[in-house]
Amino acid sequence: MIAPSASYSFTIRLQIKNRPGMLGRVALALGQAGGDIGAVDLVETTREWTERDITVKARDSRHAQQVVARLRHLAGVRVVDIADRTFLMHVGGKIEVRGKVPIRTRDDLSMAYTPGVARVCLAIHEDRQRAFTLTMKHNTVAVVTDGTAVLGLGDIGPEAALPVMEGKAMLFKEFAGVDAFPVCLGTKDVDKIVETVKLIAPGFGGINLEDIAAPRCFEVEERLRKDLDIPVFHDDQHGTAVVVLAALLNALRIVRKDLRRLRVVVTGVGAAGTATIKILQASGVRDIVGVDEHGCLHRARAAGMDFMKRWVASATNPRGVTGRLADALEGADVFIGLSVPGILTVKDVRRMARDPIVFAMANPDPEIRPEEAGRHVRVMATGRSDYPNQINNVLVFPGFFRGLLDARARTVNDEMKLAAARALAACVSRSELGAEYIIPSVFNKAVAPAVAAGVARAAHDTAAARRRRVDLSRIR
């Protein structure tokens, strides 16, 4: 059963009969309904009633309604109000723009704006590269989406995607000091997306593509990378791939297996799956089999193929494995799930090689639950925060862009991705490493600087940096 989560938490205001034991009855009812009690705050007390705010975590929206219904039927208790804490956090939006310099006098105004600003404009007109030092461009990223592949929700549109993009902007700032702006586009047309991003690019130091459905996302990224002189990074692809590789590098230290001798199965051959296959190949993995709803990808397969799946079929599966997922898993060392819940069974895991590694990253429910995999798996990871080894893109994109911006990189290349994965893996020390700790916490303050330094160093080593080499041990 899914554990209660803060994402489904609510605060309920109750009027409770002012009698001994009544608060205990409320707590018992909440516990019996499966709610996880957090804060209990006293609002007001009279001779007849005590009014309290009680914060409760639920498993999902339906469960939250069941918890409330339980309290409504409790004698001596009145439900006064219910506040969804997640919705409250989003009221009015989660981000804003603030000035960095005060404007208190006429002199301040004349320098920040007209007439003084004209001299700065002319300086940039003479040398466009001065925009990196004289404007916000040096530290600013556009988070661009068309709202067609938002979380696990699918095509919900640009307006509905905005809360996710705001959240992403918050994480950029919180973890790496990067200023990010949500750009939600009201079109699914590749030409229009590419043209719009090209038109707004002068104001940004980098472009983060987000939640654009495959295979369209591949073409958008490829065309923008060719046309722009700032880095373009599709986080759903490359952020996922980097953190998967980092986790795998540490998992291999536990099972003592060599990358070049691994047999890897990847389920879900969309944006994230394809990028993961590519980075694994770049790191030295030779035997990879991709599996989708039609079965194993191989050169002779015709069903359900698009241009990217045809590439995967031609570039992987050297043994020519055919059939379904169970066939691909025979003797496999690693399962990487970027697909749908519940498709991996214990019987499938038993088909795998000794000391299997299972990364089941479908959200919110993984391809197999850790409780099911249990003793049959040596190293287990998911995309969830309530299990050990959460594989989360937050570990990558803030630091990755910090490094790109610090180096003033022109593009993103494989060397940067590999450097980021190695830097992230190295954040778990030898003494910390274990089957339930192969990837650092998203709140580990060492992660973003380490990833940034690795990316910036790779940018310089591959001549992708505009800025001369600086001290890469510190952010900015």
Protein backbone atom coordinates (compact mmCIF):
# COMPACT_ATOMS: atom_id res chain seq x y z
CA MET A 1 0.00 0.00 0.00
CA ILE A 2 1.19 3.52 -0.85
CA ALA A 3 2.33 5.48 2.20
CA PRO A 4 0.65 8.81 3.04
CA SER A 5 2.42 11.74 1.37
CA ALA A 6 2.79 15.46 1.96
CA SER A 7 1.58 15.99 -1.61
CA TYR A 8 -1.88 14.87 -0.41
CA SER A 9 -1.78 16.62 2.95
CA PHE A 10 -4.51 18.89 4.24
CA THR A 11 -5.27 20.95 7.32
CA ILE A 12 -8.69 20.37 8.81
CA ARG A 13 -10.24 22.76 11.34
CA LEU A 14 -12.37 20.92 13.89
CA GLN A 15 -14.63 22.01 16.69
CA ILE A 16 -14.30 19.32 19.34
CA LYS A 17 -16.48 18.97 22.44
CA ASN A 18 -14.51 20.31 25.38
CA ARG A 19 -14.38 17.05 27.31
CA PRO A 20 -11.43 14.93 28.48
CA GLY A 21 -10.43 12.27 25.94
CA MET A 22 -12.04 13.89 22.90
CA LEU A 23 -8.75 14.77 21.20
CA GLY A 24 -7.68 11.15 21.70
CA ARG A 25 -10.87 9.97 19.98
CA VAL A 26 -10.12 12.25 17.02
CA ALA A 27 -6.54 10.95 16.78
CA LEU A 28 -7.78 7.34 16.96
CA ALA A 29 -10.31 7.97 14.18
CA LEU A 30 -7.64 9.52 11.97
CA GLY A 31 -5.29 6.62 12.59
CA GLN A 32 -7.96 4.03 11.87
CA ALA A 33 -8.74 5.82 8.59
CA GLY A 34 -5.06 5.57 7.59
CA GLY A 35 -4.24 9.27 7.97
CA ASP A 36 -0.79 10.35 9.14
CA ILE A 37 -1.16 13.13 11.75
CA GLY A 38 1.30 16.01 11.65
CA ALA A 39 0.84 19.30 13.48
CA VAL A 40 -2.00 19.83 15.99
CA ASP A 41 -2.62 23.52 16.69
CA LEU A 42 -5.00 25.09 19.20
CA VAL A 43 -7.13 27.86 17.65
CA GLU A 44 -9.67 28.73 20.36
CA THR A 45 -11.23 27.28 23.49
CA THR A 46 -14.64 27.94 25.04
CA ARG A 47 -16.55 26.18 27.79
CA GLU A 48 -18.33 24.03 25.18
CA TRP A 49 -15.86 23.62 22.34
CA THR A 50 -12.16 23.43 21.54
CA GLU A 51 -11.22 24.48 18.02
CA ARG A 52 -8.10 22.90 16.56
CA ASP A 53 -6.25 22.78 13.22
CA ILE A 54 -4.94 19.29 12.52
CA THR A 55 -2.58 18.58 9.61
CA VAL A 56 -3.00 15.13 8.04
CA LYS A 57 -1.20 13.29 5.23
CA ALA A 58 -3.26 11.00 2.97
CA ARG A 59 -2.38 8.49 0.24
CA ASP A 60 -4.32 10.24 -2.52
CA SER A 61 -7.30 12.55 -3.04
CA ARG A 62 -9.86 9.79 -2.57
CA HIS A 63 -8.21 8.66 0.65
CA ALA A 64 -8.25 12.26 1.93
CA GLN A 65 -12.02 12.38 1.37
CA GLN A 66 -12.40 9.10 3.27
CA VAL A 67 -10.42 10.46 6.22
CA VAL A 68 -12.59 13.59 6.37
CA ALA A 69 -15.78 11.51 6.09
CA ARG A 70 -14.64 9.47 9.10
CA LEU A 71 -14.37 12.65 11.17
CA ARG A 72 -17.74 13.96 10.00
CA HIS A 73 -19.40 10.89 11.53
CA LEU A 74 -17.56 11.21 14.85
CA ALA A 75 -19.88 12.26 17.70
CA GLY A 76 -18.89 15.53 19.38
CA VAL A 77 -16.85 16.73 16.41
CA ARG A 78 -17.69 19.35 13.76
CA VAL A 79 -15.69 19.88 10.57
CA VAL A 80 -15.40 23.65 10.18
CA ASP A 81 -13.02 23.96 7.23
CA ILE A 82 -10.61 21.94 5.08
CA ALA A 83 -7.52 23.42 3.39
CA ASP A 84 -5.48 21.47 0.84
CA ARG A 85 -1.89 22.38 1.72
CA THR A 86 -0.55 21.70 -1.78
CA PHE A 87 -3.13 24.00 -3.40
CA LEU A 88 -2.43 26.68 -0.79
CA MET A 89 1.26 26.59 -1.70
CA HIS A 90 0.36 27.32 -5.32
CA VAL A 91 -2.10 30.19 -4.73
CA GLY A 92 -0.81 33.25 -6.60
CA GLY A 93 2.02 31.25 -8.14
CA LYS A 94 5.31 30.10 -6.59
CA ILE A 95 7.82 32.51 -8.13
CA GLU A 96 8.22 36.25 -8.72
CA VAL A 97 10.69 38.75 -10.18
CA ARG A 98 12.61 41.12 -7.91
CA GLY A 99 15.12 43.85 -8.63
CA LYS A 100 18.74 43.39 -7.53
CA VAL A 101 19.54 47.08 -7.08
CA PRO A 102 17.48 49.63 -5.11
CA ILE A 103 15.85 52.60 -6.85
CA ARG A 104 15.47 55.27 -4.15
CA THR A 105 16.65 58.48 -5.82
CA ARG A 106 16.63 60.27 -9.16
CA ASP A 107 20.26 59.27 -9.61
CA ASP A 108 19.38 55.59 -9.13
CA LEU A 109 16.62 55.92 -11.72
CA SER A 110 18.81 57.70 -14.24
CA MET A 111 21.46 54.94 -14.05
CA ALA A 112 19.16 51.91 -13.93
CA TYR A 113 16.87 53.29 -16.62
CA THR A 114 16.87 56.28 -18.91
CA PRO A 115 19.09 58.07 -19.80
CA GLY A 116 22.03 56.09 -18.36
CA VAL A 117 20.94 52.70 -19.62
CA ALA A 118 21.39 53.86 -23.22
CA ARG A 119 25.19 53.78 -22.84
CA VAL A 120 24.98 50.14 -21.72
CA CYS A 121 22.72 49.29 -24.67
CA LEU A 122 25.23 50.78 -27.11
CA ALA A 123 28.09 48.86 -25.51
CA ILE A 124 26.20 45.61 -26.10
CA HIS A 125 25.33 46.72 -29.65
CA GLU A 126 29.06 47.05 -30.36
CA ASP A 127 29.82 43.63 -28.82
CA ARG A 128 26.91 41.21 -28.30
CA GLN A 129 28.98 39.06 -25.95
CA ARG A 130 28.89 41.88 -23.39
CA ALA A 131 25.26 40.91 -22.75
CA PHE A 132 26.70 38.09 -20.62
CA THR A 133 28.33 40.59 -18.25
CA LEU A 134 25.96 43.55 -18.43
CA THR A 135 22.57 41.78 -18.25
CA MET A 136 20.84 38.88 -16.56
CA LYS A 137 21.65 36.64 -19.57
CA HIS A 138 24.69 35.16 -17.83
CA ASN A 139 22.54 33.49 -15.18
CA THR A 140 19.18 32.96 -16.87
CA VAL A 141 17.52 29.87 -18.32
CA ALA A 142 14.22 29.52 -20.20
CA VAL A 143 12.22 26.46 -19.16
CA VAL A 144 10.24 25.73 -22.32
CA THR A 145 7.28 23.37 -22.68
CA ASP A 146 4.28 22.74 -24.89
CA GLY A 147 2.48 20.89 -22.11
CA THR A 148 2.23 17.58 -23.99
CA ALA A 149 4.08 15.23 -21.61
CA VAL A 150 3.65 16.70 -18.13
CA LEU A 151 4.75 14.35 -15.34
CA GLY A 152 2.65 11.20 -15.76
CA LEU A 153 -0.37 13.25 -16.76
CA GLY A 154 0.31 13.43 -20.49
CA ASP A 155 -0.98 16.14 -22.82
CA ILE A 156 -2.71 18.56 -20.43
CA GLY A 157 -1.83 21.83 -22.18
CA PRO A 158 0.49 24.78 -21.52
CA GLU A 159 -1.60 26.47 -18.80
CA ALA A 160 -1.84 23.24 -16.78
CA ALA A 161 1.91 22.73 -17.23
CA LEU A 162 2.73 26.10 -15.65
CA PRO A 163 2.76 24.90 -12.00
CA VAL A 164 5.40 22.32 -12.91
CA MET A 165 7.51 24.89 -14.75
CA GLU A 166 7.24 27.27 -11.76
CA GLY A 167 8.40 24.45 -9.51
CA LYS A 168 11.32 23.77 -11.81
CA ALA A 169 12.30 27.44 -11.68
CA MET A 170 12.23 27.29 -7.87
CA LEU A 171 14.57 24.30 -7.86
CA PHE A 172 17.01 26.01 -10.23
CA LYS A 173 17.24 28.95 -7.83
CA GLU A 174 17.24 26.98 -4.59
CA PHE A 175 19.90 24.44 -5.50
CA ALA A 176 22.17 26.33 -7.91
CA GLY A 177 21.31 30.04 -7.82
CA VAL A 178 20.12 30.00 -11.45
CA ASP A 179 17.30 32.35 -12.51
CA ALA A 180 14.79 30.39 -14.59
CA PHE A 181 11.62 31.55 -16.33
CA PRO A 182 8.68 29.33 -17.36
CA VAL A 183 7.85 29.61 -21.06
CA CYS A 184 4.64 27.67 -21.81
CA LEU A 185 3.87 27.62 -25.54
CA GLY A 186 0.38 27.34 -26.98
CA THR A 187 1.40 25.18 -29.93
CA LYS A 188 2.42 21.59 -30.68
CA ASP A 189 3.85 22.48 -34.07
CA VAL A 190 7.58 21.72 -34.18
CA ASP A 191 8.33 24.59 -36.57
CA LYS A 192 6.51 27.09 -34.33
CA ILE A 193 8.18 25.81 -31.15
CA VAL A 194 11.63 26.03 -32.73
CA GLU A 195 10.98 29.49 -34.19
CA THR A 196 9.59 30.85 -30.90
CA VAL A 197 12.54 29.61 -28.86
CA LYS A 198 14.97 31.05 -31.40
CA LEU A 199 13.20 34.43 -31.16
CA ILE A 200 13.41 34.59 -27.35
CA ALA A 201 16.90 33.08 -27.06
CA PRO A 202 18.81 36.41 -26.98
CA GLY A 203 17.56 37.01 -23.43
CA PHE A 204 18.81 33.70 -22.04
CA GLY A 205 22.06 31.88 -21.34
CA GLY A 206 20.52 28.45 -21.82
CA ILE A 207 17.34 26.61 -22.85
CA ASN A 208 15.82 23.82 -20.74
CA LEU A 209 13.25 21.88 -22.78
CA GLU A 210 10.69 20.24 -20.53
CA ASP A 211 7.69 17.91 -20.82
CA ILE A 212 7.55 17.84 -24.64
CA ALA A 213 6.24 14.51 -25.92
CA ALA A 214 8.37 12.07 -27.94
CA PRO A 215 9.23 11.81 -30.77
CA ARG A 216 8.60 15.56 -31.30
CA CYS A 217 11.04 16.45 -28.51
CA PHE A 218 13.96 14.88 -30.39
CA GLU A 219 13.45 17.04 -33.46
CA VAL A 220 12.91 20.21 -31.41
CA GLU A 221 16.14 19.68 -29.49
CA GLU A 222 18.18 18.73 -32.53
CA ARG A 223 17.09 21.76 -34.55
CA LEU A 224 17.61 24.19 -31.69
CA ARG A 225 21.07 22.83 -30.95
CA LYS A 226 22.04 23.46 -34.58
CA ASP A 227 20.56 26.96 -34.73
CA LEU A 228 21.43 28.47 -31.32
CA ASP A 229 24.75 29.54 -29.83
CA ILE A 230 23.59 28.78 -26.27
CA PRO A 231 23.19 25.30 -24.74
CA VAL A 232 19.91 23.40 -25.20
CA PHE A 233 19.18 20.61 -22.72
CA HIS A 234 16.06 18.42 -22.67
CA ASP A 235 15.91 17.43 -19.02
CA ASP A 236 13.41 14.61 -19.48
CA GLN A 237 16.01 12.96 -21.69
CA HIS A 238 19.43 13.90 -20.46
CA GLY A 239 18.76 14.73 -16.81
CA THR A 240 17.21 11.30 -16.38
CA ALA A 241 20.04 9.62 -18.28
CA VAL A 242 22.74 11.30 -16.18
CA VAL A 243 21.21 10.36 -12.83
CA VAL A 244 20.56 6.77 -14.00
CA LEU A 245 24.20 6.38 -15.02
CA ALA A 246 25.40 7.86 -11.72
CA ALA A 247 23.25 5.43 -9.75
CA LEU A 248 24.38 2.53 -11.92
CA LEU A 249 28.08 3.37 -11.45
CA ASN A 250 27.65 3.14 -7.68
CA ALA A 251 25.44 0.03 -7.87
CA LEU A 252 28.19 -1.69 -9.85
CA ARG A 253 30.66 -0.93 -7.07
CA ILE A 254 28.42 -3.00 -4.79
CA VAL A 255 27.87 -6.00 -7.10
CA ARG A 256 31.42 -5.78 -8.52
CA LYS A 257 30.46 -5.99 -12.18
CA ASP A 258 32.08 -4.35 -15.22
CA LEU A 259 30.13 -1.87 -17.38
CA ARG A 260 31.47 -3.44 -20.57
CA ARG A 261 30.20 -6.91 -19.68
CA LEU A 262 26.72 -5.92 -18.53
CA ARG A 263 23.47 -7.04 -20.05
CA VAL A 264 20.97 -4.19 -19.65
CA VAL A 265 17.24 -4.13 -20.38
CA VAL A 266 15.50 -0.74 -20.74
CA THR A 267 11.70 -0.65 -20.77
CA GLY A 268 10.05 2.47 -22.16
CA VAL A 269 11.86 3.67 -25.28
CA GLY A 270 10.63 7.25 -25.28
CA ALA A 271 12.62 10.40 -24.55
CA ALA A 272 14.16 9.27 -21.25
CA GLY A 273 14.68 5.66 -22.35
CA THR A 274 16.44 6.61 -25.57
CA ALA A 275 18.73 9.13 -23.85
CA THR A 276 19.55 6.56 -21.16
CA ILE A 277 20.49 4.02 -23.84
CA LYS A 278 22.77 6.59 -25.48
CA ILE A 279 24.59 7.57 -22.30
CA LEU A 280 25.05 3.92 -21.30
CA GLN A 281 26.61 3.24 -24.69
CA ALA A 282 28.85 6.30 -24.33
CA SER A 283 29.99 4.99 -20.94
CA GLY A 284 30.94 1.59 -22.38
CA VAL A 285 27.86 -0.64 -22.06
CA ARG A 286 27.64 -2.87 -25.15
CA ASP A 287 24.66 -5.19 -24.60
CA ILE A 288 21.39 -3.24 -24.26
CA VAL A 289 17.91 -4.41 -25.21
CA GLY A 290 15.08 -1.87 -25.46
CA VAL A 291 11.53 -3.05 -24.78
CA ASP A 292 8.24 -1.25 -25.39
CA GLU A 293 4.58 -2.29 -25.50
CA HIS A 294 5.26 -4.27 -28.70
CA GLY A 295 8.18 -6.22 -27.19
CA CYS A 296 11.91 -6.19 -27.85
CA LEU A 297 13.31 -3.70 -30.35
CA HIS A 298 15.38 -5.45 -33.01
CA ARG A 299 16.38 -4.76 -36.60
CA ALA A 300 13.63 -6.87 -38.18
CA ARG A 301 10.76 -5.45 -36.13
CA ALA A 302 8.13 -3.42 -38.00
CA ALA A 303 5.37 -2.82 -35.41
CA GLY A 304 5.15 0.52 -33.60
CA MET A 305 8.35 2.00 -34.98
CA ASP A 306 9.17 5.71 -35.35
CA PHE A 307 12.45 7.26 -36.48
CA MET A 308 14.00 7.15 -33.00
CA LYS A 309 12.92 3.57 -32.29
CA ARG A 310 14.39 2.55 -35.63
CA TRP A 311 17.67 4.07 -34.47
CA VAL A 312 17.46 2.17 -31.15
CA ALA A 313 16.72 -1.08 -33.01
CA SER A 314 19.75 -0.59 -35.26
CA ALA A 315 22.15 0.52 -32.50
CA THR A 316 21.31 -1.99 -29.71
CA ASN A 317 20.39 -5.64 -29.13
CA PRO A 318 23.58 -7.21 -30.55
CA ARG A 319 22.31 -10.73 -29.76
CA GLY A 320 19.10 -10.18 -31.71
CA VAL A 321 16.78 -10.95 -28.77
CA THR A 322 13.09 -11.11 -29.77
CA GLY A 323 9.86 -11.62 -27.85
CA ARG A 324 8.54 -9.89 -24.75
CA LEU A 325 10.09 -8.39 -21.60
CA ALA A 326 10.53 -11.81 -19.97
CA ASP A 327 12.65 -12.95 -22.93
CA ALA A 328 14.86 -9.87 -22.74
CA LEU A 329 15.43 -10.34 -18.99
CA GLU A 330 16.87 -13.85 -19.32
CA GLY A 331 20.38 -13.51 -17.84
CA ALA A 332 20.21 -9.70 -17.66
CA ASP A 333 22.27 -7.88 -15.02
CA VAL A 334 20.31 -4.62 -14.98
CA PHE A 335 16.67 -3.64 -15.45
CA ILE A 336 15.97 0.06 -16.07
CA GLY A 337 12.27 0.90 -16.07
CA LEU A 338 11.07 4.16 -17.61
CA SER A 339 7.67 2.87 -18.58
CA VAL A 340 4.46 1.95 -16.73
CA PRO A 341 3.55 0.47 -13.34
CA GLY A 342 3.44 -3.22 -12.56
CA ILE A 343 4.96 -4.71 -15.70
CA LEU A 344 7.86 -6.44 -13.90
CA THR A 345 7.09 -9.54 -11.85
CA VAL A 346 9.07 -11.53 -9.30
CA LYS A 347 9.20 -14.36 -11.84
CA ASP A 348 10.84 -11.94 -14.30
CA VAL A 349 13.41 -10.85 -11.73
CA ARG A 350 14.30 -14.48 -11.05
CA ARG A 351 15.23 -14.83 -14.72
CA MET A 352 17.97 -12.23 -14.28
CA ALA A 353 21.64 -12.89 -13.59
CA ARG A 354 23.24 -13.12 -10.15
CA ASP A 355 22.98 -9.96 -8.01
CA PRO A 356 20.43 -8.18 -10.22
CA ILE A 357 20.13 -4.40 -10.25
CA VAL A 358 16.58 -3.08 -10.68
CA PHE A 359 15.78 0.59 -11.30
CA ALA A 360 11.97 0.76 -11.43
CA MET A 361 11.28 4.44 -12.09
CA ALA A 362 7.68 4.62 -13.32
CA ASN A 363 5.80 7.26 -11.30
CA PRO A 364 3.85 7.33 -9.14
CA ASP A 365 3.87 3.52 -9.07
CA PRO A 366 7.02 1.66 -10.13
CA GLU A 367 7.28 -1.27 -12.52
CA ILE A 368 7.69 -3.46 -9.43
CA ARG A 369 7.47 -2.46 -5.79
CA PRO A 370 10.54 -2.90 -3.58
CA GLU A 371 8.41 -4.99 -1.20
CA GLU A 372 7.73 -7.46 -4.02
CA ALA A 373 11.27 -7.53 -5.40
CA GLY A 374 12.60 -8.01 -1.86
CA ARG A 375 15.36 -10.55 -1.47
CA HIS A 376 15.47 -11.31 -5.21
CA VAL A 377 17.21 -7.98 -5.99
CA ARG A 378 20.66 -6.92 -4.83
CA VAL A 379 20.21 -3.18 -5.53
CA MET A 380 16.79 -1.54 -5.97
CA ALA A 381 15.95 2.05 -6.90
CA THR A 382 12.74 3.90 -7.79
CA GLY A 383 11.64 7.43 -8.66
CA ARG A 384 9.80 7.80 -5.34
CA SER A 385 10.93 9.73 -2.29
CA ASP A 386 9.42 7.22 0.18
CA TYR A 387 11.84 4.42 -0.76
CA PRO A 388 15.65 4.32 -0.61
CA ASN A 389 17.62 5.28 -3.73
CA GLN A 390 15.33 7.85 -5.33
CA ILE A 391 16.48 8.54 -8.88
CA ASN A 392 15.48 12.17 -9.34
CA ASN A 393 16.39 14.70 -12.02
CA VAL A 394 16.68 17.39 -9.32
CA LEU A 395 20.10 15.90 -8.63
CA VAL A 396 21.24 16.92 -12.12
CA PHE A 397 19.66 19.90 -13.86
CA PRO A 398 20.44 22.71 -11.35
CA GLY A 399 24.13 21.89 -11.19
CA PHE A 400 24.32 21.01 -14.88
CA PHE A 401 23.05 24.44 -15.92
CA ARG A 402 25.19 26.11 -13.26
CA GLY A 403 28.21 24.58 -14.96
CA LEU A 404 27.00 25.51 -18.45
CA LEU A 405 26.41 29.11 -17.41
CA ASP A 406 29.68 29.39 -15.50
CA ALA A 407 31.59 28.23 -18.59
CA ARG A 408 29.30 30.23 -20.92
CA ALA A 409 28.99 27.06 -22.94
CA ARG A 410 27.83 27.16 -26.55
CA THR A 411 26.35 23.67 -26.54
CA VAL A 412 25.83 20.46 -24.56
CA ASN A 413 27.88 17.37 -25.44
CA ASP A 414 28.31 13.78 -24.26
CA GLU A 415 31.50 14.60 -22.37
CA MET A 416 29.55 17.01 -20.13
CA LYS A 417 26.84 14.42 -19.42
CA LEU A 418 29.39 11.75 -18.54
CA ALA A 419 31.29 14.22 -16.35
CA ALA A 420 28.05 15.13 -14.54
CA ALA A 421 27.23 11.45 -13.92
CA ARG A 422 30.68 10.72 -12.53
CA ALA A 423 30.61 13.82 -10.32
CA LEU A 424 27.17 12.88 -8.99
CA ALA A 425 28.25 9.30 -8.27
CA ALA A 426 31.34 10.58 -6.45
CA CYS A 427 29.11 12.51 -4.02
CA VAL A 428 28.49 9.14 -2.30
CA SER A 429 31.65 8.33 -0.37
CA ARG A 430 33.07 4.84 0.08
CA SER A 431 31.96 4.82 3.73
CA GLU A 432 28.39 5.85 2.81
CA LEU A 433 27.90 3.50 -0.13
CA GLY A 434 25.45 0.65 0.40
CA ALA A 435 22.64 -1.22 -1.34
CA GLU A 436 20.18 1.34 0.02
CA TYR A 437 22.38 4.38 -0.60
CA ILE A 438 23.77 4.54 -4.13
CA ILE A 439 22.68 8.09 -4.93
CA PRO A 440 22.92 11.22 -2.75
CA SER A 441 19.98 13.06 -1.26
CA VAL A 442 18.48 15.93 -3.28
CA PHE A 443 19.19 18.09 -0.23
CA ASN A 444 22.91 17.28 -0.22
CA LYS A 445 24.46 20.74 -0.69
CA ALA A 446 27.59 19.24 -2.25
CA VAL A 447 25.73 17.88 -5.28
CA ALA A 448 25.08 21.00 -7.39
CA PRO A 449 28.64 22.40 -7.00
CA ALA A 450 30.14 19.01 -7.85
CA VAL A 451 28.00 18.55 -10.96
CA ALA A 452 28.62 22.17 -12.00
CA ALA A 453 32.38 21.79 -11.68
CA GLY A 454 32.34 18.57 -13.73
CA VAL A 455 30.24 20.11 -16.50
CA ALA A 456 32.28 23.34 -16.65
CA ARG A 457 35.53 21.38 -16.76
CA ALA A 458 34.22 19.23 -19.62
CA ALA A 459 33.06 22.37 -21.45
CA HIS A 460 36.58 23.77 -21.29
CA ASP A 461 38.21 20.45 -22.21
CA THR A 462 36.01 20.11 -25.30
CA ALA A 463 36.38 23.77 -26.38
CA ALA A 464 32.65 24.38 -25.86
CA ALA A 465 33.25 27.21 -23.36
CA ARG A 466 33.35 30.92 -24.18
CA ARG A 467 34.73 31.89 -20.80
CA ARG A 468 38.35 31.22 -19.95
CA ARG A 469 38.99 28.54 -17.37
CA VAL A 470 38.08 29.68 -13.85
CA ASP A 471 38.13 28.15 -10.41
CA LEU A 472 35.67 25.31 -10.95
CA SER A 473 35.54 24.33 -7.29
CA ARG A 474 32.98 27.01 -6.55
CA ILE A 475 29.61 27.92 -8.03
CA ARG A 476 29.62 31.12 -10.13
